[in-house]
Amino acid sequence: MKKLFLLLFLTVSISTIGQNKIEGVGKYKINKMTIVSLQNIINENNFILDSIKSYNEYSKFKKDSYLSNLTSKKVYIAEVFSDTIKKYNSPPNSSLCKMRRVFYIPEMEISKIQLKDTYLTFYNDTLISVDIKYNDKITEAFTLKYGQPEIESNEETINCIENSNGKTIEKTEKMYYQNWENEDIKCTAALGFYYNDKCEQTYLSYIMIYLKGKKEEIRACDKNELEQLTIRKNKRKKSQLEEF
């Protein structure tokens, strides 16, 4: 972990050769790419398209993609759907919001840089965020292309209870952030650790490029769809009790 923190600060010292504004990664441009243009990329590059509707399907898809990538280098991509029957069994980053569509790419390469666990989120047919597993080569590339990032750090002392003896102890959580942004788009590369409900140290790392101002709108859409789903379920349950 110390090596990763060191890499985080070393990337800031790299000399920049351009001051382009960040828009996304590769052809995946925020607020420009549409579902149609994504479909064109899938067709032109012979990506293997699938769908994921449960956590079990997600695990299998990820494994199959990894095994295939070892030999054929084929890119797998799947649209992610929530499990409406067992919500807890939904794959990561799935959504109930009908205006939001999410596509998952386990592994792909852009400009000889490996990207893993990439999520493309579309809202009203337009790409609004790209989420990628943290990789220091990606942040180095961003620094070279977009200039020096703004650095933020956050340190917080918390109390947690150890499961082994029930003792409450103080722990320090730390996060480091690199930020690039223009008027409408922000990229955050995060690296750090926190403590879970079992008082276990858990590492957190991600890269997120997103259109500003959409989070609350999507959250409201998800909340409304969840409420409607609950109403429909309760109606079905009630109809089954007519003769009770």
C-alpha atoms as a PDB file:
ATOM      1  CA  MET A   1       0.000   0.000   0.000  1.00  0.00           C
ATOM      2  CA  LYS A   2       2.910   2.368   0.758  1.00  0.00           C
ATOM      3  CA  LYS A   3       4.165   1.849  -2.793  1.00  0.00           C
ATOM      4  CA  LEU A   4       0.766   2.852  -4.171  1.00  0.00           C
ATOM      5  CA  PHE A   5       0.715   6.028  -2.070  1.00  0.00           C
ATOM      6  CA  LEU A   6       4.229   6.837  -3.321  1.00  0.00           C
ATOM      7  CA  LEU A   7       3.132   6.333  -6.929  1.00  0.00           C
ATOM      8  CA  LEU A   8       0.199   8.658  -6.325  1.00  0.00           C
ATOM      9  CA  PHE A   9       2.519  11.535  -5.461  1.00  0.00           C
ATOM     10  CA  LEU A  10       5.187  10.637  -8.028  1.00  0.00           C
ATOM     11  CA  THR A  11       2.677  11.050 -10.847  1.00  0.00           C
ATOM     12  CA  VAL A  12       2.159  14.674  -9.821  1.00  0.00           C
ATOM     13  CA  SER A  13       5.835  15.434 -10.519  1.00  0.00           C
ATOM     14  CA  ILE A  14       5.712  14.232 -14.133  1.00  0.00           C
ATOM     15  CA  SER A  15       6.219  17.061 -16.642  1.00  0.00           C
ATOM     16  CA  THR A  16       3.134  17.759 -18.699  1.00  0.00           C
ATOM     17  CA  ILE A  17       3.159  17.935 -22.485  1.00  0.00           C
ATOM     18  CA  GLY A  18      -0.365  19.149 -23.050  1.00  0.00           C
ATOM     19  CA  GLN A  19      -3.249  20.910 -21.417  1.00  0.00           C
ATOM     20  CA  ASN A  20      -6.203  19.223 -23.071  1.00  0.00           C
ATOM     21  CA  LYS A  21      -9.489  19.153 -21.203  1.00  0.00           C
ATOM     22  CA  ILE A  22     -10.514  15.780 -19.893  1.00  0.00           C
ATOM     23  CA  GLU A  23     -13.548  14.300 -21.646  1.00  0.00           C
ATOM     24  CA  GLY A  24     -13.323  10.585 -20.882  1.00  0.00           C
ATOM     25  CA  VAL A  25     -11.003   7.787 -21.950  1.00  0.00           C
ATOM     26  CA  GLY A  26     -10.376   6.695 -25.531  1.00  0.00           C
ATOM     27  CA  LYS A  27     -13.567   6.805 -27.601  1.00  0.00           C
ATOM     28  CA  TYR A  28     -15.708   6.822 -24.466  1.00  0.00           C
ATOM     29  CA  LYS A  29     -16.419  10.565 -24.269  1.00  0.00           C
ATOM     30  CA  ILE A  30     -18.639  11.973 -21.527  1.00  0.00           C
ATOM     31  CA  ASN A  31     -21.737  13.833 -22.758  1.00  0.00           C
ATOM     32  CA  LYS A  32     -20.889  12.860 -26.373  1.00  0.00           C
ATOM     33  CA  MET A  33     -21.101   9.091 -26.708  1.00  0.00           C
ATOM     34  CA  THR A  34     -24.588   7.652 -27.200  1.00  0.00           C
ATOM     35  CA  ILE A  35     -25.959   4.115 -27.066  1.00  0.00           C
ATOM     36  CA  VAL A  36     -25.858   4.067 -30.877  1.00  0.00           C
ATOM     37  CA  SER A  37     -22.174   5.045 -31.004  1.00  0.00           C
ATOM     38  CA  LEU A  38     -21.390   2.407 -28.366  1.00  0.00           C
ATOM     39  CA  GLN A  39     -23.200  -0.180 -30.479  1.00  0.00           C
ATOM     40  CA  ASN A  40     -21.094   0.892 -33.467  1.00  0.00           C
ATOM     41  CA  ILE A  41     -17.895   0.306 -31.465  1.00  0.00           C
ATOM     42  CA  ILE A  42     -19.175  -3.121 -30.398  1.00  0.00           C
ATOM     43  CA  ASN A  43     -19.942  -4.081 -34.009  1.00  0.00           C
ATOM     44  CA  GLU A  44     -16.755  -2.634 -35.527  1.00  0.00           C
ATOM     45  CA  ASN A  45     -14.489  -4.341 -32.992  1.00  0.00           C
ATOM     46  CA  ASN A  46     -16.425  -7.617 -32.684  1.00  0.00           C
ATOM     47  CA  PHE A  47     -16.964  -7.226 -28.947  1.00  0.00           C
ATOM     48  CA  ILE A  48     -18.879 -10.088 -27.341  1.00  0.00           C
ATOM     49  CA  LEU A  49     -22.130  -8.567 -26.084  1.00  0.00           C
ATOM     50  CA  ASP A  50     -24.146 -10.124 -23.265  1.00  0.00           C
ATOM     51  CA  SER A  51     -26.436  -9.136 -20.380  1.00  0.00           C
ATOM     52  CA  ILE A  52     -26.120  -9.602 -16.619  1.00  0.00           C
ATOM     53  CA  LYS A  53     -29.224  -9.815 -14.417  1.00  0.00           C
ATOM     54  CA  SER A  54     -27.851 -11.232 -11.139  1.00  0.00           C
ATOM     55  CA  TYR A  55     -24.677 -11.326  -9.083  1.00  0.00           C
ATOM     56  CA  ASN A  56     -24.139 -14.976 -10.062  1.00  0.00           C
ATOM     57  CA  GLU A  57     -24.266 -14.051 -13.748  1.00  0.00           C
ATOM     58  CA  TYR A  58     -21.864 -11.179 -13.068  1.00  0.00           C
ATOM     59  CA  SER A  59     -19.317 -13.516 -11.433  1.00  0.00           C
ATOM     60  CA  LYS A  60     -19.541 -16.036 -14.301  1.00  0.00           C
ATOM     61  CA  PHE A  61     -19.271 -13.323 -16.952  1.00  0.00           C
ATOM     62  CA  LYS A  62     -16.183 -11.845 -15.303  1.00  0.00           C
ATOM     63  CA  LYS A  63     -14.529 -15.265 -15.047  1.00  0.00           C
ATOM     64  CA  ASP A  64     -15.338 -16.206 -18.665  1.00  0.00           C
ATOM     65  CA  SER A  65     -13.981 -12.873 -19.863  1.00  0.00           C
ATOM     66  CA  TYR A  66     -10.731 -13.336 -17.961  1.00  0.00           C
ATOM     67  CA  LEU A  67     -10.181 -16.871 -19.294  1.00  0.00           C
ATOM     68  CA  SER A  68     -10.966 -15.829 -22.857  1.00  0.00           C
ATOM     69  CA  ASN A  69      -8.696 -12.801 -22.623  1.00  0.00           C
ATOM     70  CA  LEU A  70      -5.745 -15.063 -21.853  1.00  0.00           C
ATOM     71  CA  THR A  71      -5.937 -16.579 -25.329  1.00  0.00           C
ATOM     72  CA  SER A  72      -8.181 -14.711 -27.777  1.00  0.00           C
ATOM     73  CA  LYS A  73      -7.907 -11.141 -26.412  1.00  0.00           C
ATOM     74  CA  LYS A  74     -11.607 -10.719 -27.148  1.00  0.00           C
ATOM     75  CA  VAL A  75     -13.364  -7.862 -25.359  1.00  0.00           C
ATOM     76  CA  TYR A  76     -16.496  -8.825 -23.440  1.00  0.00           C
ATOM     77  CA  ILE A  77     -19.179  -6.240 -22.675  1.00  0.00           C
ATOM     78  CA  ALA A  78     -22.499  -6.753 -20.884  1.00  0.00           C
ATOM     79  CA  GLU A  79     -25.451  -4.562 -20.036  1.00  0.00           C
ATOM     80  CA  VAL A  80     -26.129  -4.690 -16.307  1.00  0.00           C
ATOM     81  CA  PHE A  81     -29.677  -5.061 -14.912  1.00  0.00           C
ATOM     82  CA  SER A  82     -31.022  -5.133 -11.367  1.00  0.00           C
ATOM     83  CA  ASP A  83     -32.534  -8.312 -10.000  1.00  0.00           C
ATOM     84  CA  THR A  84     -36.081  -7.085  -9.346  1.00  0.00           C
ATOM     85  CA  ILE A  85     -37.022 -10.219  -7.399  1.00  0.00           C
ATOM     86  CA  LYS A  86     -33.992 -10.430  -5.115  1.00  0.00           C
ATOM     87  CA  LYS A  87     -32.586  -6.895  -4.962  1.00  0.00           C
ATOM     88  CA  TYR A  88     -29.631  -8.064  -2.836  1.00  0.00           C
ATOM     89  CA  ASN A  89     -28.616 -10.370  -5.702  1.00  0.00           C
ATOM     90  CA  SER A  90     -28.207  -7.509  -8.171  1.00  0.00           C
ATOM     91  CA  PRO A  91     -24.836  -7.112  -9.931  1.00  0.00           C
ATOM     92  CA  PRO A  92     -22.615  -4.119  -9.031  1.00  0.00           C
ATOM     93  CA  ASN A  93     -23.661  -0.691 -10.359  1.00  0.00           C
ATOM     94  CA  SER A  94     -27.039  -1.949 -11.546  1.00  0.00           C
ATOM     95  CA  SER A  95     -29.977   0.445 -11.486  1.00  0.00           C
ATOM     96  CA  LEU A  96     -33.755   0.322 -11.444  1.00  0.00           C
ATOM     97  CA  CYS A  97     -33.996   3.691 -13.197  1.00  0.00           C
ATOM     98  CA  LYS A  98     -35.331   3.131 -16.720  1.00  0.00           C
ATOM     99  CA  MET A  99     -33.502   6.198 -18.063  1.00  0.00           C
ATOM    100  CA  ARG A 100     -30.175   4.829 -16.849  1.00  0.00           C
ATOM    101  CA  ARG A 101     -28.314   2.056 -18.686  1.00  0.00           C
ATOM    102  CA  VAL A 102     -25.046   0.542 -17.464  1.00  0.00           C
ATOM    103  CA  PHE A 103     -22.527  -1.514 -19.444  1.00  0.00           C
ATOM    104  CA  TYR A 104     -19.688  -3.494 -17.862  1.00  0.00           C
ATOM    105  CA  ILE A 105     -16.332  -4.298 -19.523  1.00  0.00           C
ATOM    106  CA  PRO A 106     -14.122  -6.574 -17.370  1.00  0.00           C
ATOM    107  CA  GLU A 107     -10.940  -5.967 -19.387  1.00  0.00           C
ATOM    108  CA  MET A 108      -9.886  -3.875 -22.367  1.00  0.00           C
ATOM    109  CA  GLU A 109      -6.816  -2.055 -23.654  1.00  0.00           C
ATOM    110  CA  ILE A 110      -6.533   1.541 -24.828  1.00  0.00           C
ATOM    111  CA  SER A 111      -3.188   2.913 -26.066  1.00  0.00           C
ATOM    112  CA  LYS A 112      -1.465  -0.150 -24.577  1.00  0.00           C
ATOM    113  CA  ILE A 113      -2.864   0.611 -21.112  1.00  0.00           C
ATOM    114  CA  GLN A 114      -4.968  -2.069 -19.441  1.00  0.00           C
ATOM    115  CA  LEU A 115      -8.357  -0.977 -18.098  1.00  0.00           C
ATOM    116  CA  LYS A 116     -10.148  -3.329 -15.733  1.00  0.00           C
ATOM    117  CA  ASP A 117     -13.679  -3.338 -14.341  1.00  0.00           C
ATOM    118  CA  THR A 118     -14.904  -0.459 -16.497  1.00  0.00           C
ATOM    119  CA  TYR A 119     -18.524   0.680 -16.120  1.00  0.00           C
ATOM    120  CA  LEU A 120     -20.163   2.926 -18.718  1.00  0.00           C
ATOM    121  CA  THR A 121     -23.270   4.684 -17.412  1.00  0.00           C
ATOM    122  CA  PHE A 122     -25.734   6.251 -19.861  1.00  0.00           C
ATOM    123  CA  TYR A 123     -28.590   8.536 -18.860  1.00  0.00           C
ATOM    124  CA  ASN A 124     -31.209   9.546 -21.431  1.00  0.00           C
ATOM    125  CA  ASP A 125     -29.101   7.768 -24.076  1.00  0.00           C
ATOM    126  CA  THR A 126     -25.928   9.807 -23.327  1.00  0.00           C
ATOM    127  CA  LEU A 127     -22.757   8.673 -21.530  1.00  0.00           C
ATOM    128  CA  ILE A 128     -22.512  10.473 -18.192  1.00  0.00           C
ATOM    129  CA  SER A 129     -19.834   8.490 -16.334  1.00  0.00           C
ATOM    130  CA  VAL A 130     -16.931   6.083 -16.806  1.00  0.00           C
ATOM    131  CA  ASP A 131     -15.771   4.160 -13.729  1.00  0.00           C
ATOM    132  CA  ILE A 132     -12.493   2.216 -13.843  1.00  0.00           C
ATOM    133  CA  LYS A 133     -10.458   0.180 -11.395  1.00  0.00           C
ATOM    134  CA  TYR A 134      -7.513   2.247 -10.127  1.00  0.00           C
ATOM    135  CA  ASN A 135      -4.298   1.876 -12.111  1.00  0.00           C
ATOM    136  CA  ASP A 136      -1.283   4.173 -11.675  1.00  0.00           C
ATOM    137  CA  LYS A 137      -0.552   3.951 -15.428  1.00  0.00           C
ATOM    138  CA  ILE A 138      -3.923   5.567 -16.104  1.00  0.00           C
ATOM    139  CA  THR A 139      -3.226   8.465 -13.717  1.00  0.00           C
ATOM    140  CA  GLU A 140       0.242   8.906 -15.262  1.00  0.00           C
ATOM    141  CA  ALA A 141      -1.378   9.111 -18.710  1.00  0.00           C
ATOM    142  CA  PHE A 142      -3.935  11.646 -17.444  1.00  0.00           C
ATOM    143  CA  THR A 143      -1.155  13.767 -15.936  1.00  0.00           C
ATOM    144  CA  LEU A 144       0.803  13.750 -19.199  1.00  0.00           C
ATOM    145  CA  LYS A 145      -2.249  14.570 -21.298  1.00  0.00           C
ATOM    146  CA  TYR A 146      -4.262  16.889 -19.047  1.00  0.00           C
ATOM    147  CA  GLY A 147      -1.652  18.454 -16.771  1.00  0.00           C
ATOM    148  CA  GLN A 148      -1.072  18.424 -13.044  1.00  0.00           C
ATOM    149  CA  PRO A 149      -4.087  17.272 -10.995  1.00  0.00           C
ATOM    150  CA  GLU A 150      -5.336  19.002  -7.902  1.00  0.00           C
ATOM    151  CA  ILE A 151      -4.432  16.927  -4.857  1.00  0.00           C
ATOM    152  CA  GLU A 152      -6.770  16.423  -1.909  1.00  0.00           C
ATOM    153  CA  SER A 153      -6.359  14.300   1.179  1.00  0.00           C
ATOM    154  CA  ASN A 154      -8.732  13.370   3.948  1.00  0.00           C
ATOM    155  CA  GLU A 155      -7.906  11.851   7.315  1.00  0.00           C
ATOM    156  CA  GLU A 156     -10.548  10.914   9.862  1.00  0.00           C
ATOM    157  CA  THR A 157     -10.380   9.263  13.272  1.00  0.00           C
ATOM    158  CA  ILE A 158     -13.223   6.860  14.004  1.00  0.00           C
ATOM    159  CA  ASN A 159     -14.253   4.500  16.797  1.00  0.00           C
ATOM    160  CA  CYS A 160     -14.856   0.886  15.907  1.00  0.00           C
ATOM    161  CA  ILE A 161     -15.569  -2.278  17.871  1.00  0.00           C
ATOM    162  CA  GLU A 162     -13.298  -5.282  17.455  1.00  0.00           C
ATOM    163  CA  ASN A 163     -15.237  -8.527  17.028  1.00  0.00           C
ATOM    164  CA  SER A 164     -12.689 -10.585  18.923  1.00  0.00           C
ATOM    165  CA  ASN A 165     -13.035  -8.824  22.283  1.00  0.00           C
ATOM    166  CA  GLY A 166     -15.785  -6.198  21.837  1.00  0.00           C
ATOM    167  CA  LYS A 167     -13.322  -3.447  22.689  1.00  0.00           C
ATOM    168  CA  THR A 168     -13.845   0.016  21.217  1.00  0.00           C
ATOM    169  CA  ILE A 169     -10.669   1.401  19.685  1.00  0.00           C
ATOM    170  CA  GLU A 170      -9.683   4.448  17.657  1.00  0.00           C
ATOM    171  CA  LYS A 171      -8.668   3.989  14.027  1.00  0.00           C
ATOM    172  CA  THR A 172      -7.517   6.491  11.431  1.00  0.00           C
ATOM    173  CA  GLU A 173      -8.967   6.369   7.927  1.00  0.00           C
ATOM    174  CA  LYS A 174      -7.067   8.018   5.077  1.00  0.00           C
ATOM    175  CA  MET A 175      -7.976   8.907   1.497  1.00  0.00           C
ATOM    176  CA  TYR A 176      -5.970  10.629  -1.235  1.00  0.00           C
ATOM    177  CA  TYR A 177      -7.512  12.154  -4.353  1.00  0.00           C
ATOM    178  CA  GLN A 178      -6.234  13.404  -7.704  1.00  0.00           C
ATOM    179  CA  ASN A 179      -8.706  15.628  -9.556  1.00  0.00           C
ATOM    180  CA  TRP A 180      -8.843  16.847 -13.146  1.00  0.00           C
ATOM    181  CA  GLU A 181     -11.839  18.845 -14.365  1.00  0.00           C
ATOM    182  CA  ASN A 182     -13.238  21.244 -16.916  1.00  0.00           C
ATOM    183  CA  GLU A 183     -16.503  23.174 -16.936  1.00  0.00           C
ATOM    184  CA  ASP A 184     -18.840  20.157 -16.993  1.00  0.00           C
ATOM    185  CA  ILE A 185     -16.691  17.061 -16.428  1.00  0.00           C
ATOM    186  CA  LYS A 186     -14.637  15.911 -13.458  1.00  0.00           C
ATOM    187  CA  CYS A 187     -12.234  13.008 -13.032  1.00  0.00           C
ATOM    188  CA  THR A 188     -11.310  11.726  -9.580  1.00  0.00           C
ATOM    189  CA  ALA A 189      -8.646   9.091  -8.921  1.00  0.00           C
ATOM    190  CA  ALA A 190      -8.992   7.904  -5.315  1.00  0.00           C
ATOM    191  CA  LEU A 191      -6.709   5.766  -3.191  1.00  0.00           C
ATOM    192  CA  GLY A 192      -6.868   4.959   0.524  1.00  0.00           C
ATOM    193  CA  PHE A 193      -8.379   2.805   3.222  1.00  0.00           C
ATOM    194  CA  TYR A 194     -11.212   2.719   5.754  1.00  0.00           C
ATOM    195  CA  TYR A 195     -12.489   0.342   8.447  1.00  0.00           C
ATOM    196  CA  ASN A 196     -15.602  -1.746   7.920  1.00  0.00           C
ATOM    197  CA  ASP A 197     -18.259  -2.685  10.498  1.00  0.00           C
ATOM    198  CA  LYS A 198     -15.987  -5.514  11.693  1.00  0.00           C
ATOM    199  CA  CYS A 199     -13.178  -3.046  12.364  1.00  0.00           C
ATOM    200  CA  GLU A 200     -11.174  -4.558   9.506  1.00  0.00           C
ATOM    201  CA  GLN A 201      -8.984  -2.337   7.346  1.00  0.00           C
ATOM    202  CA  THR A 202     -10.386  -2.213   3.825  1.00  0.00           C
ATOM    203  CA  TYR A 203      -8.597  -0.647   0.867  1.00  0.00           C
ATOM    204  CA  LEU A 204     -10.493   1.570  -1.552  1.00  0.00           C
ATOM    205  CA  SER A 205      -9.288   2.629  -4.995  1.00  0.00           C
ATOM    206  CA  TYR A 206     -11.096   3.795  -8.113  1.00  0.00           C
ATOM    207  CA  ILE A 207     -11.064   6.226 -11.028  1.00  0.00           C
ATOM    208  CA  MET A 208     -14.307   7.982 -11.902  1.00  0.00           C
ATOM    209  CA  ILE A 209     -14.916  10.381 -14.800  1.00  0.00           C
ATOM    210  CA  TYR A 210     -18.376  11.913 -14.718  1.00  0.00           C
ATOM    211  CA  LEU A 211     -20.698  14.672 -15.848  1.00  0.00           C
ATOM    212  CA  LYS A 212     -21.277  17.083 -12.994  1.00  0.00           C
ATOM    213  CA  GLY A 213     -24.749  17.637 -11.559  1.00  0.00           C
ATOM    214  CA  LYS A 214     -26.349  14.292 -12.476  1.00  0.00           C
ATOM    215  CA  LYS A 215     -25.915  12.302  -9.269  1.00  0.00           C
ATOM    216  CA  GLU A 216     -28.963  13.685  -7.460  1.00  0.00           C
ATOM    217  CA  GLU A 217     -31.177  13.317 -10.528  1.00  0.00           C
ATOM    218  CA  ILE A 218     -30.210   9.668 -10.954  1.00  0.00           C
ATOM    219  CA  ARG A 219     -30.574   8.979  -7.232  1.00  0.00           C
ATOM    220  CA  ALA A 220     -34.104  10.424  -7.337  1.00  0.00           C
ATOM    221  CA  CYS A 221     -34.930   8.275 -10.376  1.00  0.00           C
ATOM    222  CA  ASP A 222     -33.654   5.137  -8.624  1.00  0.00           C
ATOM    223  CA  LYS A 223     -35.618   5.975  -5.480  1.00  0.00           C
ATOM    224  CA  ASN A 224     -38.849   6.507  -7.429  1.00  0.00           C
ATOM    225  CA  GLU A 225     -38.468   3.229  -9.339  1.00  0.00           C
ATOM    226  CA  LEU A 226     -37.786   1.339  -6.103  1.00  0.00           C
ATOM    227  CA  GLU A 227     -40.940   2.809  -4.552  1.00  0.00           C
ATOM    228  CA  GLN A 228     -43.003   1.835  -7.611  1.00  0.00           C
ATOM    229  CA  LEU A 229     -41.537  -1.686  -7.545  1.00  0.00           C
ATOM    230  CA  THR A 230     -42.494  -2.019  -3.867  1.00  0.00           C
ATOM    231  CA  ILE A 231     -46.052  -0.831  -4.617  1.00  0.00           C
ATOM    232  CA  ARG A 232     -46.424  -3.386  -7.429  1.00  0.00           C
ATOM    233  CA  LYS A 233     -45.128  -6.196  -5.225  1.00  0.00           C
ATOM    234  CA  ASN A 234     -47.528  -5.272  -2.430  1.00  0.00           C
ATOM    235  CA  LYS A 235     -50.458  -5.203  -4.876  1.00  0.00           C
ATOM    236  CA  ARG A 236     -49.621  -8.712  -6.077  1.00  0.00           C
ATOM    237  CA  LYS A 237     -49.356  -9.953  -2.511  1.00  0.00           C
ATOM    238  CA  LYS A 238     -52.678  -8.302  -1.648  1.00  0.00           C
ATOM    239  CA  SER A 239     -54.421  -9.858  -4.663  1.00  0.00           C
ATOM    240  CA  GLN A 240     -53.330 -13.308  -3.463  1.00  0.00           C
ATOM    241  CA  LEU A 241     -55.155 -12.704  -0.190  1.00  0.00           C
ATOM    242  CA  GLU A 242     -58.590 -11.985  -1.680  1.00  0.00           C
ATOM    243  CA  GLU A 243     -60.015 -15.271  -0.401  1.00  0.00           C
ATOM    244  CA  PHE A 244     -58.160 -15.149   2.928  1.00  0.00           C
END
